[in-house]
């Protein structure tokens, strides 16, 4: 028994050291034309937070990895030549908390370590209306069989008033948090996967992958309603946290994201599509005007609203979460910050 315990501890430590952690996932990227690298710029600039991700695609057409671009100078400028620097973080990410004004013109500037320069077209930040109502309805899809998670669910809608201005474009994003069931796992000596409890507060994070877009064409100035997500009917968590963000985006961004949506409904970033599918419509190289860039300068203002979906109100049996085998206590792992887990308590969290 003592030997078995030592073996388990060795497996657990080896798992941590090797970085095989269940709360992280690799970022998939774009297949490339052979022997050529594209600069990928994913710039999301809002009225309260700015983030730019820079990377180079692989020169191997069979390699789906991309490589972060580090040590670049990234900043915004406005019509008065005031600059707003973004700070370099990890893995090619640059961001900053800064207040920008809807209705004003902004431009993105990037200077790589080798001196190559890139900039966006100057764009005016659109004004977004507030979300009047965020609500949900239980809806059943009888064409799916019993036991299929698509059969029963809660449709979540936003309701808002479009302004009288012509040519407005909208995009929605959402985040879902729930208490993490585990923070690591390992393969037991019997070949089964065994999960490890979190040693402290930890939340799983999920974001939308599909593009949710709308234009006010033929709807100008009207009350508008939009389906932003369908939540499957599971037994846990009963209170389902959903933070919805409504964005007012530019026409260039709407055109770009619409092309992504039509190309591949399941992918929401420029890192998951072939480069020939969509080159940038509003970012260019100053140093080499013929260079093709992948990505978008997405300038937007946003409004957020939180809703809890009560999944315990329907007289229909919910689906249950799959059984997980956990290691015997004491057996805990740290909550590691990643794209899918966080130690930071979500805004408005209720247990």
Protein backbone atom coordinates (compact mmCIF):
# COMPACT_ATOMS: atom_id res chain seq x y z
CA UNK A 1 0.00 0.00 0.00
CA UNK A 2 2.88 2.30 0.82
CA UNK A 3 4.44 1.58 -2.57
CA UNK A 4 1.13 2.40 -4.31
CA UNK A 5 0.88 5.74 -2.47
CA UNK A 6 4.43 6.64 -3.47
CA UNK A 7 3.62 5.72 -7.08
CA UNK A 8 0.55 7.94 -7.06
CA UNK A 9 2.55 10.85 -5.67
CA UNK A 10 5.21 10.34 -8.33
CA UNK A 11 2.60 10.33 -11.11
CA UNK A 12 0.99 13.50 -9.75
CA UNK A 13 4.29 15.37 -9.49
CA UNK A 14 5.37 14.25 -12.93
CA UNK A 15 2.11 15.49 -14.34
CA UNK A 16 2.59 18.93 -12.81
CA UNK A 17 6.20 19.19 -13.92
CA UNK A 18 5.48 18.13 -17.48
CA UNK A 19 2.68 20.72 -17.73
CA UNK A 20 0.04 18.16 -18.68
CA UNK A 21 -2.70 20.05 -16.93
CA UNK A 22 -6.34 19.58 -17.74
CA UNK A 23 -7.19 23.23 -17.16
CA UNK A 24 -5.22 24.45 -20.18
CA UNK A 25 -5.64 23.84 -23.86
CA UNK A 26 -3.41 24.55 -26.88
CA UNK A 27 -4.35 27.40 -29.18
CA UNK A 28 -5.00 26.00 -32.62
CA UNK A 29 -3.87 28.11 -35.52
CA UNK A 30 -3.91 28.37 -39.24
CA UNK A 31 -2.47 26.10 -41.90
CA UNK A 32 -0.21 28.04 -44.25
CA UNK A 33 1.04 28.10 -47.76
CA UNK A 34 4.42 26.37 -47.74
CA UNK A 35 7.53 28.44 -46.99
CA UNK A 36 5.66 31.64 -46.12
CA UNK A 37 4.76 33.27 -42.81
CA UNK A 38 1.96 35.75 -42.27
CA UNK A 39 1.75 38.27 -39.48
CA UNK A 40 -1.49 37.74 -37.56
CA UNK A 41 -2.94 40.74 -35.74
CA UNK A 42 -5.99 40.23 -33.53
CA UNK A 43 -6.79 43.67 -32.10
CA UNK A 44 -9.82 44.23 -29.88
CA UNK A 45 -10.03 47.84 -28.76
CA UNK A 46 -12.98 48.82 -26.57
CA UNK A 47 -13.88 51.99 -24.69
CA UNK A 48 -12.47 50.51 -21.45
CA UNK A 49 -9.92 47.83 -22.35
CA UNK A 50 -7.53 47.23 -25.25
CA UNK A 51 -5.87 43.95 -26.21
CA UNK A 52 -3.74 43.05 -29.22
CA UNK A 53 -2.36 39.61 -29.97
CA UNK A 54 0.57 39.38 -32.40
CA UNK A 55 1.86 36.16 -33.90
CA UNK A 56 3.59 34.68 -36.92
CA UNK A 57 2.08 31.70 -38.69
CA UNK A 58 4.12 28.58 -39.41
CA UNK A 59 6.00 28.37 -42.72
CA UNK A 60 5.17 24.66 -42.83
CA UNK A 61 1.78 24.06 -44.46
CA UNK A 62 1.25 21.02 -42.24
CA UNK A 63 2.06 22.85 -39.01
CA UNK A 64 -0.95 24.43 -37.33
CA UNK A 65 1.06 26.26 -34.65
CA UNK A 66 1.75 29.95 -34.58
CA UNK A 67 4.55 31.81 -32.86
CA UNK A 68 4.12 34.86 -30.60
CA UNK A 69 5.66 38.14 -31.72
CA UNK A 70 7.45 39.64 -28.71
CA UNK A 71 9.16 42.94 -27.90
CA UNK A 72 6.97 45.00 -30.23
CA UNK A 73 5.86 48.55 -29.54
CA UNK A 74 2.07 48.72 -29.70
CA UNK A 75 0.03 51.87 -29.20
CA UNK A 76 -3.10 53.77 -30.25
CA UNK A 77 -3.36 57.37 -31.37
CA UNK A 78 -6.31 59.73 -31.66
CA UNK A 79 -7.12 62.69 -33.89
CA UNK A 80 -5.22 65.00 -31.53
CA UNK A 81 -2.08 62.82 -31.79
CA UNK A 82 -2.46 61.69 -28.20
CA UNK A 83 -0.98 58.20 -27.79
CA UNK A 84 -2.22 55.29 -25.68
CA UNK A 85 0.49 52.63 -25.12
CA UNK A 86 -0.29 48.93 -24.66
CA UNK A 87 1.90 46.91 -22.31
CA UNK A 88 3.46 43.61 -23.34
CA UNK A 89 2.24 40.57 -21.42
CA UNK A 90 2.88 36.90 -22.21
CA UNK A 91 2.89 35.00 -25.52
CA UNK A 92 2.49 37.96 -27.85
CA UNK A 93 -0.32 39.66 -25.94
CA UNK A 94 -0.33 43.43 -25.40
CA UNK A 95 -3.05 45.15 -23.38
CA UNK A 96 -4.03 48.15 -21.30
CA UNK A 97 -6.91 49.46 -19.23
CA UNK A 98 -7.66 52.80 -20.82
CA UNK A 99 -10.75 54.94 -21.34
CA UNK A 100 -11.53 55.76 -24.97
CA UNK A 101 -14.46 57.85 -26.21
CA UNK A 102 -17.14 56.62 -28.63
CA UNK A 103 -17.48 59.03 -31.54
CA UNK A 104 -13.75 59.78 -31.67
CA UNK A 105 -11.25 58.55 -34.26
CA UNK A 106 -8.49 56.09 -33.28
CA UNK A 107 -5.66 54.34 -35.11
CA UNK A 108 -3.52 51.30 -34.18
CA UNK A 109 0.27 51.38 -34.58
CA UNK A 110 2.70 48.44 -34.29
CA UNK A 111 6.49 48.52 -34.54
CA UNK A 112 8.16 45.10 -34.42
CA UNK A 113 11.57 44.53 -32.87
CA UNK A 114 13.14 44.42 -36.36
CA UNK A 115 11.77 47.90 -37.13
CA UNK A 116 8.94 46.84 -39.45
CA UNK A 117 5.89 49.06 -38.99
CA UNK A 118 2.17 48.37 -39.32
CA UNK A 119 -0.89 50.52 -38.81
CA UNK A 120 -4.63 50.34 -39.10
CA UNK A 121 -6.95 52.63 -40.98
CA UNK A 122 -8.20 55.46 -38.74
CA UNK A 123 -11.68 54.48 -37.55
CA UNK A 124 -14.37 56.13 -35.47
CA UNK A 125 -15.41 54.19 -32.37
CA UNK A 126 -19.16 53.45 -32.68
CA UNK A 127 -21.61 54.18 -29.88
CA UNK A 128 -23.49 51.14 -28.58
CA UNK A 129 -26.93 51.28 -26.92
CA UNK A 130 -27.45 49.72 -23.52
CA UNK A 131 -29.05 46.31 -23.09
CA UNK A 132 -32.60 47.01 -21.98
CA UNK A 133 -33.46 43.44 -21.04
CA UNK A 134 -31.54 40.18 -20.83
CA UNK A 135 -33.90 37.23 -20.44
CA UNK A 136 -34.29 33.52 -21.12
CA UNK A 137 -36.96 31.02 -22.12
CA UNK A 138 -37.02 27.25 -21.82
CA UNK A 139 -37.51 25.77 -25.28
CA UNK A 140 -37.66 22.18 -26.46
CA UNK A 141 -36.54 20.90 -29.86
CA UNK A 142 -38.54 17.69 -30.43
CA UNK A 143 -36.49 16.80 -33.51
CA UNK A 144 -33.64 15.79 -31.17
CA UNK A 145 -34.00 12.47 -29.27
CA UNK A 146 -34.35 12.11 -25.50
CA UNK A 147 -30.96 12.29 -23.81
CA UNK A 148 -29.49 14.59 -26.48
CA UNK A 149 -28.32 17.89 -24.95
CA UNK A 150 -29.76 19.81 -27.91
CA UNK A 151 -33.32 18.71 -27.11
CA UNK A 152 -33.98 20.76 -23.95
CA UNK A 153 -32.41 24.11 -23.21
CA UNK A 154 -32.74 27.75 -22.25
CA UNK A 155 -32.53 30.34 -25.03
CA UNK A 156 -30.97 33.61 -23.85
CA UNK A 157 -32.01 36.85 -25.60
CA UNK A 158 -31.00 40.51 -25.48
CA UNK A 159 -33.54 43.26 -26.10
CA UNK A 160 -32.42 46.79 -26.94
CA UNK A 161 -33.39 49.95 -28.81
CA UNK A 162 -31.49 50.73 -32.00
CA UNK A 163 -30.76 54.43 -32.55
CA UNK A 164 -32.12 56.47 -35.46
CA UNK A 165 -28.68 56.53 -37.06
CA UNK A 166 -28.31 54.49 -40.25
CA UNK A 167 -25.64 51.82 -40.69
CA UNK A 168 -25.07 50.43 -37.20
CA UNK A 169 -23.45 47.06 -36.61
CA UNK A 170 -23.55 44.84 -33.54
CA UNK A 171 -21.57 41.93 -32.13
CA UNK A 172 -22.16 39.92 -28.96
CA UNK A 173 -19.76 38.03 -26.73
CA UNK A 174 -20.42 36.15 -23.51
CA UNK A 175 -18.58 34.49 -20.62
CA UNK A 176 -19.78 31.64 -18.46
CA UNK A 177 -18.20 30.81 -15.09
CA UNK A 178 -18.86 27.88 -12.79
CA UNK A 179 -17.08 26.30 -9.85
CA UNK A 180 -14.29 24.06 -11.12
CA UNK A 181 -14.82 20.37 -10.42
CA UNK A 182 -11.10 19.63 -10.65
CA UNK A 183 -7.73 21.33 -11.20
CA UNK A 184 -5.63 18.46 -12.57
CA UNK A 185 -5.73 14.78 -13.44
CA UNK A 186 -3.48 11.80 -14.03
CA UNK A 187 -3.73 8.30 -15.46
CA UNK A 188 -4.02 5.74 -12.67
CA UNK A 189 -2.20 2.41 -12.72
CA UNK A 190 -5.43 0.75 -13.89
CA UNK A 191 -5.46 3.00 -16.97
CA UNK A 192 -8.36 5.20 -15.86
CA UNK A 193 -8.19 8.98 -15.66
CA UNK A 194 -8.28 10.20 -12.08
CA UNK A 195 -9.13 13.79 -11.21
CA UNK A 196 -7.65 16.01 -8.50
CA UNK A 197 -9.66 18.50 -6.46
CA UNK A 198 -8.72 22.18 -6.41
CA UNK A 199 -6.83 23.34 -3.32
CA UNK A 200 -8.50 26.77 -3.35
CA UNK A 201 -11.34 28.71 -5.00
CA UNK A 202 -11.29 28.10 -8.73
CA UNK A 203 -13.68 28.77 -11.59
CA UNK A 204 -13.96 27.21 -15.04
CA UNK A 205 -14.37 29.76 -17.83
CA UNK A 206 -16.11 29.31 -21.15
CA UNK A 207 -16.52 31.91 -23.91
CA UNK A 208 -18.53 31.92 -27.12
CA UNK A 209 -16.86 30.48 -30.21
CA UNK A 210 -19.48 31.44 -32.79
CA UNK A 211 -19.88 34.87 -34.33
CA UNK A 212 -23.06 36.62 -33.14
CA UNK A 213 -23.68 39.57 -35.47
CA UNK A 214 -26.47 41.93 -36.53
CA UNK A 215 -26.91 44.99 -38.74
CA UNK A 216 -29.74 47.47 -38.34
CA UNK A 217 -30.44 47.43 -42.08
CA UNK A 218 -34.25 47.49 -42.50
CA UNK A 219 -34.51 47.69 -38.69
CA UNK A 220 -33.23 51.21 -38.09
CA UNK A 221 -34.53 52.87 -34.93
CA UNK A 222 -36.59 49.84 -33.85
CA UNK A 223 -36.69 47.68 -30.74
CA UNK A 224 -34.46 44.71 -31.53
CA UNK A 225 -34.19 41.22 -30.05
CA UNK A 226 -31.29 38.82 -30.55
CA UNK A 227 -30.64 35.23 -29.48
CA UNK A 228 -27.14 35.15 -27.98
CA UNK A 229 -26.88 31.60 -26.61
CA UNK A 230 -28.70 28.36 -25.90
CA UNK A 231 -27.90 26.75 -22.52
CA UNK A 232 -28.30 22.94 -22.31
CA UNK A 233 -30.53 21.65 -19.51
CA UNK A 234 -28.13 19.95 -17.09
CA UNK A 235 -28.63 19.29 -13.38
CA UNK A 236 -25.57 21.32 -12.37
CA UNK A 237 -25.00 24.15 -11.83
CA UNK A 238 -28.63 25.05 -11.10
CA UNK A 239 -27.76 28.76 -11.20
CA UNK A 240 -26.01 29.26 -14.53
CA UNK A 241 -23.83 32.40 -14.68
CA UNK A 242 -23.76 34.26 -18.01
CA UNK A 243 -22.16 37.68 -18.58
CA UNK A 244 -23.29 39.10 -21.94
CA UNK A 245 -21.43 41.89 -23.73
CA UNK A 246 -23.14 43.92 -26.45
CA UNK A 247 -20.75 45.70 -28.83
CA UNK A 248 -21.17 48.45 -31.37
CA UNK A 249 -18.62 47.63 -34.08
CA UNK A 250 -17.45 49.26 -37.31
CA UNK A 251 -18.59 48.31 -40.80
CA UNK A 252 -15.09 46.95 -41.56
CA UNK A 253 -15.21 44.68 -38.53
CA UNK A 254 -18.73 43.52 -39.39
CA UNK A 255 -17.62 42.65 -42.94
CA UNK A 256 -14.60 40.75 -41.65
CA UNK A 257 -16.45 38.79 -38.97
CA UNK A 258 -19.30 38.00 -41.36
CA UNK A 259 -16.77 36.42 -43.71
CA UNK A 260 -15.44 34.30 -40.83
CA UNK A 261 -18.96 33.25 -39.94
CA UNK A 262 -19.79 32.16 -43.48
CA UNK A 263 -16.44 30.38 -43.84
CA UNK A 264 -16.62 28.38 -40.64
CA UNK A 265 -19.49 28.83 -38.22
CA UNK A 266 -17.64 27.20 -35.34
CA UNK A 267 -14.50 29.34 -35.33
CA UNK A 268 -14.40 32.84 -33.96
CA UNK A 269 -10.85 34.05 -34.43
CA UNK A 270 -8.51 34.64 -37.38
CA UNK A 271 -6.20 31.96 -35.96
CA UNK A 272 -8.44 29.10 -37.06
CA UNK A 273 -8.88 29.72 -40.80
CA UNK A 274 -6.67 29.32 -43.87
CA UNK A 275 -4.85 32.60 -44.64
CA UNK A 276 -6.25 32.90 -48.16
CA UNK A 277 -9.75 33.02 -46.68
CA UNK A 278 -9.65 36.52 -45.29
CA UNK A 279 -6.81 39.01 -45.20
CA UNK A 280 -7.19 42.16 -43.13
CA UNK A 281 -9.53 44.84 -44.41
CA UNK A 282 -8.16 47.61 -42.20
CA UNK A 283 -4.51 46.83 -41.24
CA UNK A 284 -1.53 47.24 -43.58
CA UNK A 285 2.26 47.26 -43.52
CA UNK A 286 3.90 50.69 -43.66
CA UNK A 287 7.29 49.14 -44.39
CA UNK A 288 6.07 46.81 -47.14
CA UNK A 289 2.68 47.78 -48.66
CA UNK A 290 2.51 44.49 -50.60
CA UNK A 291 2.66 42.37 -47.45
CA UNK A 292 -0.58 40.57 -46.62
CA UNK A 293 -1.79 40.69 -43.03
CA UNK A 294 -4.28 38.39 -41.33
CA UNK A 295 -6.54 39.86 -38.69
CA UNK A 296 -8.69 42.83 -37.81
CA UNK A 297 -8.61 46.17 -35.99
CA UNK A 298 -11.86 45.71 -34.08
CA UNK A 299 -12.76 49.08 -32.53
CA UNK A 300 -15.94 49.04 -30.45
CA UNK A 301 -17.80 50.36 -27.44
CA UNK A 302 -19.64 47.88 -25.25
CA UNK A 303 -22.22 47.38 -22.55
CA UNK A 304 -22.44 44.33 -20.28
CA UNK A 305 -25.23 42.68 -18.35
CA UNK A 306 -25.23 39.64 -16.05
CA UNK A 307 -27.96 37.02 -15.85
CA UNK A 308 -28.37 33.84 -13.82
CA UNK A 309 -30.36 31.12 -15.55
CA UNK A 310 -32.34 29.10 -13.02
CA UNK A 311 -32.20 25.56 -14.38
CA UNK A 312 -34.43 24.14 -11.67
CA UNK A 313 -37.79 25.46 -12.83
CA UNK A 314 -38.85 22.96 -15.48
CA UNK A 315 -40.89 19.84 -14.76
CA UNK A 316 -38.60 17.76 -16.97
CA UNK A 317 -35.68 15.68 -15.73
CA UNK A 318 -32.35 17.35 -16.60
CA UNK A 319 -29.28 15.64 -17.98
CA UNK A 320 -26.61 14.77 -15.42
CA UNK A 321 -22.92 15.53 -15.67
CA UNK A 322 -20.64 12.57 -16.45
CA UNK A 323 -19.16 10.65 -13.54
CA UNK A 324 -15.58 11.57 -12.65
CA UNK A 325 -13.25 9.42 -10.58
CA UNK A 326 -11.37 11.48 -7.99
CA UNK A 327 -8.25 10.57 -6.06
CA UNK A 328 -8.55 9.81 -2.37
CA UNK A 329 -7.99 12.72 0.00
CA UNK A 330 -5.67 14.36 0.78
CA UNK A 331 -5.17 15.07 -2.89
CA UNK A 332 -5.33 18.63 -4.21
CA UNK A 333 -3.85 20.67 -7.05
CA UNK A 334 -3.43 24.43 -7.53
CA UNK A 335 -5.76 26.46 -9.71
CA UNK A 336 -3.60 27.58 -12.63
CA UNK A 337 -4.61 30.74 -14.50
CA UNK A 338 -5.39 29.93 -18.13
CA UNK A 339 -7.90 30.54 -20.90
CA UNK A 340 -10.27 28.09 -19.23
CA UNK A 341 -9.71 28.51 -15.47
CA UNK A 342 -9.18 31.36 -13.04
CA UNK A 343 -8.69 32.08 -9.34
CA UNK A 344 -10.27 35.52 -9.73
CA UNK A 345 -13.84 35.67 -8.43
CA UNK A 346 -16.18 36.60 -11.33
CA UNK A 347 -18.00 39.92 -11.20
CA UNK A 348 -21.41 39.48 -9.55
CA UNK A 349 -20.70 35.89 -8.49
CA UNK A 350 -23.31 34.21 -6.27
CA UNK A 351 -22.88 30.76 -4.71
